[in-house]
Amino acid sequence: MSLFRVNKPRGFQHNYIYYDPRKEKLQKIEENAKRELGLLPEKEFDPEDIRGKFVGATSHLKRRKESGRKPISSGILIMIIILLILVMKYIYTGRVF
């Protein structure tokens, strides 16, 4: 046991027993190909089709996504405040320290 070294916890890995994501992905690819060829009727409702539609439809969330600007971190904000205090002190007293 060390004072400065922290042990990382063991990672969690869940292996599916009754579900094969690769098989489901292949089935979706086959189904889409058959639909494009016209062998299957049009697609029914799938909840996965709605994912992300709400964010794209609302104006305030769309603006936030489009701006791409990160909020100012607290460290930068503290540095700006300290700089302003030093400038104010210099203006009023004529010296910084």
C-alpha atoms as a PDB file:
ATOM      1  CA  MET A   1       0.000   0.000   0.000  1.00  0.00           C
ATOM      2  CA  SER A   2       1.457   3.312  -1.072  1.00  0.00           C
ATOM      3  CA  LEU A   3       0.588   6.807   0.040  1.00  0.00           C
ATOM      4  CA  PHE A   4       0.846   8.430  -3.383  1.00  0.00           C
ATOM      5  CA  ARG A   5      -0.195   5.638  -5.730  1.00  0.00           C
ATOM      6  CA  VAL A   6      -3.904   5.036  -6.071  1.00  0.00           C
ATOM      7  CA  ASN A   7      -5.030   1.696  -7.412  1.00  0.00           C
ATOM      8  CA  LYS A   8      -7.502   1.861 -10.262  1.00  0.00           C
ATOM      9  CA  PRO A   9     -10.685  -0.142  -9.850  1.00  0.00           C
ATOM     10  CA  ARG A  10     -11.177  -3.129 -12.069  1.00  0.00           C
ATOM     11  CA  GLY A  11     -13.116  -2.245 -15.206  1.00  0.00           C
ATOM     12  CA  PHE A  12     -16.639  -3.519 -15.724  1.00  0.00           C
ATOM     13  CA  GLN A  13     -17.244  -5.578 -18.833  1.00  0.00           C
ATOM     14  CA  HIS A  14     -20.692  -6.988 -19.481  1.00  0.00           C
ATOM     15  CA  ASN A  15     -20.879  -9.896 -21.883  1.00  0.00           C
ATOM     16  CA  TYR A  16     -24.324 -10.512 -23.311  1.00  0.00           C
ATOM     17  CA  ILE A  17     -25.687 -14.037 -23.030  1.00  0.00           C
ATOM     18  CA  TYR A  18     -28.814 -13.935 -25.180  1.00  0.00           C
ATOM     19  CA  TYR A  19     -28.009 -10.918 -27.363  1.00  0.00           C
ATOM     20  CA  ASP A  20     -25.532 -10.674 -30.223  1.00  0.00           C
ATOM     21  CA  PRO A  21     -25.035  -7.060 -31.398  1.00  0.00           C
ATOM     22  CA  ARG A  22     -23.136  -8.196 -34.509  1.00  0.00           C
ATOM     23  CA  LYS A  23     -25.984 -10.457 -35.566  1.00  0.00           C
ATOM     24  CA  GLU A  24     -28.555  -7.676 -35.051  1.00  0.00           C
ATOM     25  CA  LYS A  25     -26.448  -5.245 -37.064  1.00  0.00           C
ATOM     26  CA  LEU A  26     -26.200  -7.740 -39.931  1.00  0.00           C
ATOM     27  CA  GLN A  27     -29.974  -8.270 -39.853  1.00  0.00           C
ATOM     28  CA  LYS A  28     -30.571  -4.511 -40.092  1.00  0.00           C
ATOM     29  CA  ILE A  29     -28.180  -4.260 -43.049  1.00  0.00           C
ATOM     30  CA  GLU A  30     -29.941  -7.143 -44.817  1.00  0.00           C
ATOM     31  CA  GLU A  31     -33.365  -5.650 -44.107  1.00  0.00           C
ATOM     32  CA  ASN A  32     -32.332  -2.240 -45.457  1.00  0.00           C
ATOM     33  CA  ALA A  33     -30.890  -3.841 -48.597  1.00  0.00           C
ATOM     34  CA  LYS A  34     -34.115  -5.806 -49.190  1.00  0.00           C
ATOM     35  CA  ARG A  35     -36.169  -2.622 -48.716  1.00  0.00           C
ATOM     36  CA  GLU A  36     -34.027  -0.803 -51.279  1.00  0.00           C
ATOM     37  CA  LEU A  37     -34.555  -3.621 -53.756  1.00  0.00           C
ATOM     38  CA  GLY A  38     -38.298  -3.539 -53.126  1.00  0.00           C
ATOM     39  CA  LEU A  39     -38.560  -7.057 -51.711  1.00  0.00           C
ATOM     40  CA  LEU A  40     -39.998  -5.836 -48.381  1.00  0.00           C
ATOM     41  CA  PRO A  41     -42.739  -3.267 -47.731  1.00  0.00           C
ATOM     42  CA  GLU A  42     -41.907   0.136 -46.259  1.00  0.00           C
ATOM     43  CA  LYS A  43     -40.495   0.246 -42.755  1.00  0.00           C
ATOM     44  CA  GLU A  44     -42.796   0.351 -39.734  1.00  0.00           C
ATOM     45  CA  PHE A  45     -42.287   2.568 -36.678  1.00  0.00           C
ATOM     46  CA  ASP A  46     -38.955   2.163 -34.926  1.00  0.00           C
ATOM     47  CA  PRO A  47     -38.168   4.144 -31.759  1.00  0.00           C
ATOM     48  CA  GLU A  48     -34.543   4.494 -32.896  1.00  0.00           C
ATOM     49  CA  ASP A  49     -35.717   6.723 -35.758  1.00  0.00           C
ATOM     50  CA  ILE A  50     -36.731   9.476 -33.321  1.00  0.00           C
ATOM     51  CA  ARG A  51     -33.375   9.707 -31.554  1.00  0.00           C
ATOM     52  CA  GLY A  52     -31.947  13.229 -31.764  1.00  0.00           C
ATOM     53  CA  LYS A  53     -35.007  14.755 -33.448  1.00  0.00           C
ATOM     54  CA  PHE A  54     -36.058  16.806 -30.394  1.00  0.00           C
ATOM     55  CA  VAL A  55     -32.706  18.575 -30.093  1.00  0.00           C
ATOM     56  CA  GLY A  56     -32.723  19.392 -33.794  1.00  0.00           C
ATOM     57  CA  ALA A  57     -36.254  20.796 -33.663  1.00  0.00           C
ATOM     58  CA  THR A  58     -35.814  23.172 -30.719  1.00  0.00           C
ATOM     59  CA  SER A  59     -34.263  26.533 -31.521  1.00  0.00           C
ATOM     60  CA  HIS A  60     -32.420  27.152 -28.245  1.00  0.00           C
ATOM     61  CA  LEU A  61     -30.767  23.726 -28.226  1.00  0.00           C
ATOM     62  CA  LYS A  62     -29.909  24.033 -31.908  1.00  0.00           C
ATOM     63  CA  ARG A  63     -28.212  27.405 -31.284  1.00  0.00           C
ATOM     64  CA  ARG A  64     -26.128  25.931 -28.469  1.00  0.00           C
ATOM     65  CA  LYS A  65     -25.056  23.054 -30.698  1.00  0.00           C
ATOM     66  CA  GLU A  66     -24.250  25.292 -33.676  1.00  0.00           C
ATOM     67  CA  SER A  67     -22.235  27.887 -31.747  1.00  0.00           C
ATOM     68  CA  GLY A  68     -19.473  25.407 -30.884  1.00  0.00           C
ATOM     69  CA  ARG A  69     -18.245  27.765 -28.163  1.00  0.00           C
ATOM     70  CA  LYS A  70     -17.117  26.256 -24.893  1.00  0.00           C
ATOM     71  CA  PRO A  71     -18.125  27.922 -21.640  1.00  0.00           C
ATOM     72  CA  ILE A  72     -15.347  29.698 -19.722  1.00  0.00           C
ATOM     73  CA  SER A  73     -13.747  27.387 -17.191  1.00  0.00           C
ATOM     74  CA  SER A  74     -13.550  28.407 -13.548  1.00  0.00           C
ATOM     75  CA  GLY A  75      -9.731  28.532 -13.623  1.00  0.00           C
ATOM     76  CA  ILE A  76      -9.686  31.078 -16.422  1.00  0.00           C
ATOM     77  CA  LEU A  77     -12.380  33.101 -14.663  1.00  0.00           C
ATOM     78  CA  ILE A  78     -10.348  33.190 -11.433  1.00  0.00           C
ATOM     79  CA  MET A  79      -7.219  34.281 -13.334  1.00  0.00           C
ATOM     80  CA  ILE A  80      -9.157  37.122 -15.001  1.00  0.00           C
ATOM     81  CA  ILE A  81     -10.498  38.291 -11.614  1.00  0.00           C
ATOM     82  CA  ILE A  82      -6.989  38.262 -10.081  1.00  0.00           C
ATOM     83  CA  LEU A  83      -5.635  40.199 -13.052  1.00  0.00           C
ATOM     84  CA  LEU A  84      -8.398  42.796 -12.711  1.00  0.00           C
ATOM     85  CA  ILE A  85      -7.693  43.171  -8.985  1.00  0.00           C
ATOM     86  CA  LEU A  86      -3.984  43.710  -9.701  1.00  0.00           C
ATOM     87  CA  VAL A  87      -4.782  46.307 -12.369  1.00  0.00           C
ATOM     88  CA  MET A  88      -7.149  48.138  -9.992  1.00  0.00           C
ATOM     89  CA  LYS A  89      -4.498  48.101  -7.252  1.00  0.00           C
ATOM     90  CA  TYR A  90      -1.886  49.438  -9.680  1.00  0.00           C
ATOM     91  CA  ILE A  91      -4.189  52.241 -10.842  1.00  0.00           C
ATOM     92  CA  TYR A  92      -5.057  53.419  -7.300  1.00  0.00           C
ATOM     93  CA  THR A  93      -1.707  52.990  -5.546  1.00  0.00           C
ATOM     94  CA  GLY A  94       0.834  53.183  -8.360  1.00  0.00           C
ATOM     95  CA  ARG A  95       2.504  49.893  -7.438  1.00  0.00           C
ATOM     96  CA  VAL A  96       1.424  46.269  -7.640  1.00  0.00           C
ATOM     97  CA  PHE A  97       3.163  44.593  -4.671  1.00  0.00           C
END
